[in-house]
Amino acid sequence: MLVVDSRIHIPLTDVRLSFSKSGGPGGQNVNKVNTKVTLHWNVASSPSLPADVRDRFLRTYKGRINADGDVVIHSQRYRDQIRNREDCLEKLRQLILAVRHPPKRRKRTRPPRAARERRLREKHRRSDKKRLRGRPPTSE
């Protein structure tokens, strides 16, 4: 069971894991052992995710979800399969934690009067500087 927080628990039967040979350091061992872990989890059909969290997850991570509705996570950080498996589950947990609460609504604010005046003063100063770069007026 993957425990995300007090209200979200994902049974490991919902998660499909596959293993393959990973790249990187490891010498001859890397050519013999399937240490890379790929995790597939179908977000759309998972009953363990509350509807509001599922909607935020699908909206936030739409680029990470394939055509079947699966989130695919890879890990080949470690040289052994067990730690890579735990790393994949932790990555999934972090993705869910990031969307479990709705984002706070932004309160619209107006810039203070002093800031507006400062900005306009700076614009006039820049304008004057550039105007003075031109040819001086000819007096006849």
N, C-alpha and C. Protein backbone atom coordinates (compact mmCIF):
# COMPACT_ATOMS: atom_id res chain seq x y z
N MET A 1 0.85 -1.18 0.00
CA MET A 1 0.00 0.00 0.00
C MET A 1 0.89 1.24 0.00
N LEU A 2 0.63 2.13 -0.94
CA LEU A 2 1.35 3.41 -1.01
C LEU A 2 0.50 4.43 -0.26
N VAL A 3 1.01 4.91 0.87
CA VAL A 3 0.30 5.88 1.69
C VAL A 3 0.78 7.28 1.30
N VAL A 4 -0.11 8.07 0.70
CA VAL A 4 0.25 9.42 0.28
C VAL A 4 0.03 10.38 1.44
N ASP A 5 -1.16 10.36 2.00
CA ASP A 5 -1.48 11.12 3.21
C ASP A 5 -2.60 10.38 3.93
N SER A 6 -3.21 11.03 4.90
CA SER A 6 -4.21 10.34 5.73
C SER A 6 -5.46 9.91 4.94
N ARG A 7 -5.80 10.60 3.85
CA ARG A 7 -7.01 10.24 3.12
C ARG A 7 -6.73 9.56 1.78
N ILE A 8 -5.49 9.54 1.32
CA ILE A 8 -5.18 8.94 0.02
C ILE A 8 -4.24 7.75 0.23
N HIS A 9 -4.75 6.56 -0.12
CA HIS A 9 -3.96 5.33 -0.06
C HIS A 9 -4.14 4.62 -1.40
N ILE A 10 -3.03 4.21 -2.01
CA ILE A 10 -3.11 3.53 -3.30
C ILE A 10 -2.63 2.10 -3.12
N PRO A 11 -3.49 1.12 -3.37
CA PRO A 11 -3.05 -0.27 -3.26
C PRO A 11 -2.05 -0.58 -4.38
N LEU A 12 -1.07 -1.38 -4.05
CA LEU A 12 -0.04 -1.70 -5.04
C LEU A 12 -0.57 -2.58 -6.17
N THR A 13 -1.79 -3.11 -6.00
CA THR A 13 -2.39 -3.88 -7.09
C THR A 13 -2.83 -2.96 -8.23
N ASP A 14 -3.01 -1.65 -7.96
CA ASP A 14 -3.37 -0.69 -9.00
C ASP A 14 -2.16 -0.28 -9.84
N VAL A 15 -0.97 -0.57 -9.35
CA VAL A 15 0.28 -0.13 -9.99
C VAL A 15 0.91 -1.31 -10.72
N ARG A 16 1.31 -1.08 -11.97
CA ARG A 16 2.03 -2.11 -12.73
C ARG A 16 3.49 -1.71 -12.80
N LEU A 17 4.38 -2.64 -12.48
CA LEU A 17 5.81 -2.39 -12.54
C LEU A 17 6.42 -3.28 -13.60
N SER A 18 7.35 -2.72 -14.37
CA SER A 18 8.10 -3.54 -15.32
C SER A 18 9.58 -3.21 -15.13
N PHE A 19 10.41 -4.16 -15.48
CA PHE A 19 11.84 -4.04 -15.22
C PHE A 19 12.62 -4.24 -16.51
N SER A 20 13.71 -3.49 -16.65
CA SER A 20 14.56 -3.63 -17.83
C SER A 20 15.99 -3.28 -17.46
N LYS A 21 16.88 -3.50 -18.40
CA LYS A 21 18.29 -3.19 -18.16
C LYS A 21 18.46 -1.67 -18.16
N SER A 22 19.23 -1.18 -17.21
CA SER A 22 19.42 0.26 -17.14
C SER A 22 20.80 0.63 -17.63
N GLY A 23 20.94 1.90 -18.04
CA GLY A 23 22.24 2.37 -18.49
C GLY A 23 23.03 2.91 -17.33
N GLY A 24 24.13 3.52 -17.62
CA GLY A 24 24.92 4.16 -16.58
C GLY A 24 25.96 3.24 -15.99
N PRO A 25 26.61 3.69 -14.91
CA PRO A 25 27.70 2.92 -14.33
C PRO A 25 27.21 1.62 -13.69
N GLY A 26 28.10 0.68 -13.55
CA GLY A 26 27.74 -0.59 -12.94
C GLY A 26 28.59 -1.73 -13.47
N GLY A 27 29.43 -1.46 -14.45
CA GLY A 27 30.33 -2.49 -14.97
C GLY A 27 29.56 -3.60 -15.64
N GLN A 28 30.06 -4.82 -15.48
CA GLN A 28 29.42 -5.96 -16.14
C GLN A 28 28.03 -6.22 -15.56
N ASN A 29 27.83 -5.83 -14.33
CA ASN A 29 26.55 -6.07 -13.67
C ASN A 29 25.40 -5.42 -14.44
N VAL A 30 25.63 -4.23 -15.02
CA VAL A 30 24.59 -3.49 -15.70
C VAL A 30 24.10 -4.23 -16.94
N ASN A 31 24.94 -5.09 -17.52
CA ASN A 31 24.56 -5.84 -18.71
C ASN A 31 23.79 -7.11 -18.38
N LYS A 32 23.73 -7.50 -17.11
CA LYS A 32 23.11 -8.77 -16.74
C LYS A 32 21.80 -8.62 -15.97
N VAL A 33 21.66 -7.50 -15.23
CA VAL A 33 20.57 -7.40 -14.27
C VAL A 33 19.56 -6.34 -14.70
N ASN A 34 18.28 -6.65 -14.56
CA ASN A 34 17.22 -5.70 -14.88
C ASN A 34 16.95 -4.82 -13.67
N THR A 35 17.65 -3.68 -13.61
CA THR A 35 17.49 -2.82 -12.44
C THR A 35 16.61 -1.59 -12.71
N LYS A 36 16.40 -1.23 -13.96
CA LYS A 36 15.56 -0.08 -14.27
C LYS A 36 14.10 -0.46 -14.02
N VAL A 37 13.36 0.43 -13.35
CA VAL A 37 11.97 0.16 -13.02
C VAL A 37 11.09 1.19 -13.74
N THR A 38 10.03 0.69 -14.37
CA THR A 38 9.04 1.55 -15.01
C THR A 38 7.70 1.28 -14.34
N LEU A 39 7.09 2.35 -13.84
CA LEU A 39 5.82 2.24 -13.12
C LEU A 39 4.71 2.79 -14.01
N HIS A 40 3.62 2.04 -14.13
CA HIS A 40 2.42 2.47 -14.86
C HIS A 40 1.27 2.50 -13.86
N TRP A 41 0.57 3.63 -13.82
CA TRP A 41 -0.60 3.75 -12.93
C TRP A 41 -1.69 4.47 -13.68
N ASN A 42 -2.84 3.82 -13.78
CA ASN A 42 -3.96 4.41 -14.51
C ASN A 42 -4.71 5.36 -13.58
N VAL A 43 -4.50 6.65 -13.81
CA VAL A 43 -5.09 7.68 -12.96
C VAL A 43 -6.60 7.74 -13.17
N ALA A 44 -7.02 7.70 -14.41
CA ALA A 44 -8.43 7.92 -14.74
C ALA A 44 -9.34 6.87 -14.12
N SER A 45 -8.87 5.63 -14.01
CA SER A 45 -9.75 4.57 -13.51
C SER A 45 -9.42 4.16 -12.08
N SER A 46 -8.51 4.83 -11.42
CA SER A 46 -8.15 4.45 -10.06
C SER A 46 -9.21 4.91 -9.06
N PRO A 47 -9.80 3.97 -8.32
CA PRO A 47 -10.83 4.36 -7.35
C PRO A 47 -10.24 4.93 -6.05
N SER A 48 -8.94 4.82 -5.88
CA SER A 48 -8.31 5.24 -4.63
C SER A 48 -8.00 6.73 -4.57
N LEU A 49 -8.27 7.45 -5.66
CA LEU A 49 -7.98 8.88 -5.70
C LEU A 49 -9.31 9.65 -5.65
N PRO A 50 -9.46 10.61 -4.72
CA PRO A 50 -10.69 11.41 -4.69
C PRO A 50 -10.87 12.18 -6.01
N ALA A 51 -12.10 12.44 -6.37
CA ALA A 51 -12.42 13.04 -7.67
C ALA A 51 -11.75 14.40 -7.87
N ASP A 52 -11.73 15.25 -6.83
CA ASP A 52 -11.12 16.57 -6.99
C ASP A 52 -9.61 16.47 -7.21
N VAL A 53 -8.98 15.54 -6.51
CA VAL A 53 -7.53 15.35 -6.67
C VAL A 53 -7.24 14.76 -8.05
N ARG A 54 -8.09 13.82 -8.50
CA ARG A 54 -7.90 13.21 -9.82
C ARG A 54 -7.99 14.28 -10.91
N ASP A 55 -8.96 15.18 -10.80
CA ASP A 55 -9.12 16.24 -11.81
C ASP A 55 -7.89 17.14 -11.85
N ARG A 56 -7.41 17.54 -10.68
CA ARG A 56 -6.21 18.39 -10.63
C ARG A 56 -5.00 17.64 -11.17
N PHE A 57 -4.89 16.34 -10.85
CA PHE A 57 -3.77 15.53 -11.34
C PHE A 57 -3.80 15.46 -12.86
N LEU A 58 -4.97 15.16 -13.42
CA LEU A 58 -5.08 15.05 -14.88
C LEU A 58 -4.78 16.37 -15.57
N ARG A 59 -5.21 17.49 -14.95
CA ARG A 59 -4.95 18.81 -15.53
C ARG A 59 -3.48 19.19 -15.43
N THR A 60 -2.89 18.94 -14.27
CA THR A 60 -1.52 19.37 -14.02
C THR A 60 -0.51 18.55 -14.80
N TYR A 61 -0.72 17.25 -14.85
CA TYR A 61 0.27 16.35 -15.46
C TYR A 61 -0.21 15.75 -16.78
N LYS A 62 -0.97 16.51 -17.56
CA LYS A 62 -1.50 15.95 -18.81
C LYS A 62 -0.38 15.55 -19.78
N GLY A 63 0.77 16.19 -19.68
CA GLY A 63 1.90 15.82 -20.55
C GLY A 63 2.57 14.53 -20.16
N ARG A 64 2.34 14.07 -18.94
CA ARG A 64 2.97 12.84 -18.45
C ARG A 64 2.04 11.64 -18.56
N ILE A 65 0.80 11.86 -19.02
CA ILE A 65 -0.18 10.78 -19.10
C ILE A 65 -0.30 10.33 -20.54
N ASN A 66 -0.18 9.02 -20.76
CA ASN A 66 -0.23 8.51 -22.14
C ASN A 66 -1.68 8.32 -22.60
N ALA A 67 -1.87 7.80 -23.80
CA ALA A 67 -3.19 7.67 -24.40
C ALA A 67 -4.10 6.72 -23.62
N ASP A 68 -3.51 5.77 -22.90
CA ASP A 68 -4.31 4.82 -22.12
C ASP A 68 -4.74 5.39 -20.77
N GLY A 69 -4.28 6.59 -20.44
CA GLY A 69 -4.62 7.19 -19.16
C GLY A 69 -3.64 6.82 -18.05
N ASP A 70 -2.50 6.26 -18.45
CA ASP A 70 -1.48 5.84 -17.47
C ASP A 70 -0.44 6.92 -17.26
N VAL A 71 -0.03 7.09 -16.02
CA VAL A 71 1.15 7.90 -15.70
C VAL A 71 2.31 6.93 -15.75
N VAL A 72 3.37 7.29 -16.47
CA VAL A 72 4.54 6.43 -16.59
C VAL A 72 5.71 7.11 -15.89
N ILE A 73 6.29 6.40 -14.93
CA ILE A 73 7.42 6.92 -14.16
C ILE A 73 8.56 5.92 -14.26
N HIS A 74 9.75 6.43 -14.54
CA HIS A 74 10.95 5.58 -14.65
C HIS A 74 11.90 5.89 -13.52
N SER A 75 12.69 4.89 -13.13
CA SER A 75 13.77 5.14 -12.19
C SER A 75 14.91 4.18 -12.48
N GLN A 76 16.09 4.74 -12.66
CA GLN A 76 17.30 3.94 -12.80
C GLN A 76 18.44 4.61 -12.03
N ARG A 77 18.05 5.33 -10.97
CA ARG A 77 19.00 6.08 -10.17
C ARG A 77 19.95 5.16 -9.41
N TYR A 78 19.43 4.03 -8.92
CA TYR A 78 20.23 3.13 -8.09
C TYR A 78 20.64 1.89 -8.86
N ARG A 79 21.58 1.13 -8.28
CA ARG A 79 22.08 -0.06 -8.95
C ARG A 79 21.30 -1.31 -8.59
N ASP A 80 20.30 -1.18 -7.72
CA ASP A 80 19.49 -2.36 -7.42
C ASP A 80 18.01 -2.07 -7.63
N GLN A 81 17.30 -3.11 -7.98
CA GLN A 81 15.91 -3.01 -8.39
C GLN A 81 15.00 -2.54 -7.26
N ILE A 82 15.25 -2.99 -6.04
CA ILE A 82 14.38 -2.66 -4.92
C ILE A 82 14.38 -1.16 -4.64
N ARG A 83 15.57 -0.54 -4.64
CA ARG A 83 15.63 0.90 -4.39
C ARG A 83 15.02 1.70 -5.54
N ASN A 84 15.19 1.24 -6.77
CA ASN A 84 14.56 1.91 -7.91
C ASN A 84 13.04 1.79 -7.84
N ARG A 85 12.54 0.67 -7.36
CA ARG A 85 11.10 0.47 -7.18
C ARG A 85 10.58 1.46 -6.14
N GLU A 86 11.27 1.57 -5.02
CA GLU A 86 10.88 2.51 -3.98
C GLU A 86 10.96 3.96 -4.48
N ASP A 87 11.95 4.24 -5.32
CA ASP A 87 12.11 5.58 -5.88
C ASP A 87 10.93 5.92 -6.80
N CYS A 88 10.48 4.96 -7.60
CA CYS A 88 9.32 5.18 -8.47
C CYS A 88 8.08 5.47 -7.64
N LEU A 89 7.87 4.70 -6.59
CA LEU A 89 6.70 4.91 -5.73
C LEU A 89 6.77 6.26 -5.03
N GLU A 90 7.97 6.66 -4.63
CA GLU A 90 8.13 7.97 -3.98
C GLU A 90 7.87 9.11 -4.97
N LYS A 91 8.31 8.94 -6.22
CA LYS A 91 8.04 9.96 -7.24
C LYS A 91 6.53 10.09 -7.46
N LEU A 92 5.82 8.97 -7.52
CA LEU A 92 4.36 9.01 -7.67
C LEU A 92 3.73 9.70 -6.47
N ARG A 93 4.20 9.37 -5.29
CA ARG A 93 3.68 9.98 -4.06
C ARG A 93 3.86 11.50 -4.10
N GLN A 94 5.03 11.96 -4.54
CA GLN A 94 5.29 13.40 -4.61
C GLN A 94 4.40 14.09 -5.63
N LEU A 95 4.13 13.42 -6.77
CA LEU A 95 3.23 14.00 -7.78
C LEU A 95 1.83 14.19 -7.20
N ILE A 96 1.37 13.19 -6.45
CA ILE A 96 0.03 13.28 -5.87
C ILE A 96 -0.01 14.33 -4.77
N LEU A 97 1.04 14.38 -3.94
CA LEU A 97 1.10 15.38 -2.87
C LEU A 97 1.04 16.80 -3.43
N ALA A 98 1.63 17.00 -4.60
CA ALA A 98 1.67 18.35 -5.19
C ALA A 98 0.29 18.85 -5.60
N VAL A 99 -0.65 17.92 -5.86
CA VAL A 99 -1.97 18.34 -6.33
C VAL A 99 -3.09 18.01 -5.35
N ARG A 100 -2.77 17.53 -4.16
CA ARG A 100 -3.84 17.08 -3.25
C ARG A 100 -4.68 18.24 -2.73
N HIS A 101 -4.10 19.44 -2.58
CA HIS A 101 -4.85 20.60 -2.12
C HIS A 101 -5.09 21.54 -3.30
N PRO A 102 -6.28 22.14 -3.37
CA PRO A 102 -6.53 23.10 -4.45
C PRO A 102 -5.64 24.32 -4.28
N PRO A 103 -5.19 24.93 -5.38
CA PRO A 103 -4.34 26.11 -5.26
C PRO A 103 -5.13 27.27 -4.66
N LYS A 104 -4.44 28.12 -3.91
CA LYS A 104 -5.10 29.27 -3.31
C LYS A 104 -5.43 30.27 -4.41
N ARG A 105 -6.60 30.87 -4.30
CA ARG A 105 -6.99 31.87 -5.28
C ARG A 105 -6.22 33.15 -5.04
N ARG A 106 -5.79 33.77 -6.12
CA ARG A 106 -5.01 35.00 -6.02
C ARG A 106 -5.93 36.16 -5.72
N LYS A 107 -5.53 36.97 -4.76
CA LYS A 107 -6.28 38.17 -4.43
C LYS A 107 -5.75 39.29 -5.31
N ARG A 108 -6.62 39.92 -6.07
CA ARG A 108 -6.18 40.99 -6.96
C ARG A 108 -5.83 42.22 -6.13
N THR A 109 -4.68 42.79 -6.42
CA THR A 109 -4.25 43.99 -5.72
C THR A 109 -3.90 45.05 -6.75
N ARG A 110 -3.94 46.30 -6.32
CA ARG A 110 -3.55 47.40 -7.20
C ARG A 110 -2.23 47.94 -6.73
N PRO A 111 -1.39 48.42 -7.68
CA PRO A 111 -0.12 49.00 -7.24
C PRO A 111 -0.38 50.28 -6.44
N PRO A 112 0.42 50.56 -5.43
CA PRO A 112 0.23 51.77 -4.65
C PRO A 112 0.45 53.03 -5.50
N ARG A 113 -0.13 54.11 -5.04
CA ARG A 113 -0.05 55.37 -5.78
C ARG A 113 1.41 55.82 -5.93
N ALA A 114 2.20 55.67 -4.87
CA ALA A 114 3.61 56.06 -4.93
C ALA A 114 4.37 55.27 -6.00
N ALA A 115 4.05 53.98 -6.15
CA ALA A 115 4.72 53.16 -7.16
C ALA A 115 4.36 53.64 -8.56
N ARG A 116 3.08 53.99 -8.77
CA ARG A 116 2.67 54.50 -10.09
C ARG A 116 3.40 55.80 -10.40
N GLU A 117 3.47 56.70 -9.42
CA GLU A 117 4.14 57.99 -9.63
C GLU A 117 5.63 57.79 -9.90
N ARG A 118 6.25 56.86 -9.17
CA ARG A 118 7.68 56.57 -9.37
C ARG A 118 7.91 56.06 -10.80
N ARG A 119 7.05 55.18 -11.25
CA ARG A 119 7.19 54.63 -12.60
C ARG A 119 7.06 55.74 -13.64
N LEU A 120 6.10 56.64 -13.47
CA LEU A 120 5.92 57.72 -14.43
C LEU A 120 7.10 58.70 -14.40
N ARG A 121 7.62 58.97 -13.19
CA ARG A 121 8.81 59.85 -13.10
C ARG A 121 9.99 59.25 -13.85
N GLU A 122 10.18 57.92 -13.68
CA GLU A 122 11.28 57.26 -14.39
C GLU A 122 11.08 57.31 -15.90
N LYS A 123 9.84 57.14 -16.35
CA LYS A 123 9.56 57.22 -17.78
C LYS A 123 9.89 58.61 -18.32
N HIS A 124 9.50 59.65 -17.58
CA HIS A 124 9.81 61.03 -18.02
C HIS A 124 11.31 61.26 -18.03
N ARG A 125 12.01 60.74 -17.03
CA ARG A 125 13.46 60.93 -16.97
C ARG A 125 14.14 60.25 -18.17
N ARG A 126 13.71 59.03 -18.49
CA ARG A 126 14.29 58.33 -19.65
C ARG A 126 13.94 59.06 -20.94
N SER A 127 12.72 59.55 -21.02
CA SER A 127 12.28 60.27 -22.20
C SER A 127 13.11 61.54 -22.40
N ASP A 128 13.34 62.28 -21.30
CA ASP A 128 14.15 63.51 -21.39
C ASP A 128 15.57 63.19 -21.81
N LYS A 129 16.13 62.12 -21.26
CA LYS A 129 17.50 61.74 -21.58
C LYS A 129 17.62 61.45 -23.07
N LYS A 130 16.66 60.72 -23.62
CA LYS A 130 16.73 60.38 -25.04
C LYS A 130 16.44 61.59 -25.92
N ARG A 131 15.57 62.48 -25.47
CA ARG A 131 15.26 63.69 -26.24
C ARG A 131 16.49 64.59 -26.33
N LEU A 132 17.28 64.66 -25.26
CA LEU A 132 18.47 65.50 -25.25
C LEU A 132 19.61 64.95 -26.10
N ARG A 133 19.50 63.71 -26.52
CA ARG A 133 20.55 63.11 -27.38
C ARG A 133 20.48 63.64 -28.81
N GLY A 134 19.34 64.20 -29.19
CA GLY A 134 19.16 64.67 -30.57
C GLY A 134 19.95 65.94 -30.84
N ARG A 135 19.85 66.45 -32.06
CA ARG A 135 20.53 67.70 -32.43
C ARG A 135 19.90 68.85 -31.67
N PRO A 136 20.72 69.79 -31.28
CA PRO A 136 20.15 70.97 -30.61
C PRO A 136 19.36 71.80 -31.62
N PRO A 137 18.36 72.51 -31.16
CA PRO A 137 17.56 73.33 -32.09
C PRO A 137 18.41 74.47 -32.66
N THR A 138 18.22 74.74 -33.92
CA THR A 138 18.97 75.82 -34.56
C THR A 138 18.24 77.13 -34.33
N SER A 139 19.01 78.14 -33.87
CA SER A 139 18.37 79.45 -33.66
C SER A 139 18.75 80.36 -34.82
N GLU A 140 17.80 80.96 -35.44
CA GLU A 140 18.04 81.82 -36.60
C GLU A 140 17.74 83.25 -36.32
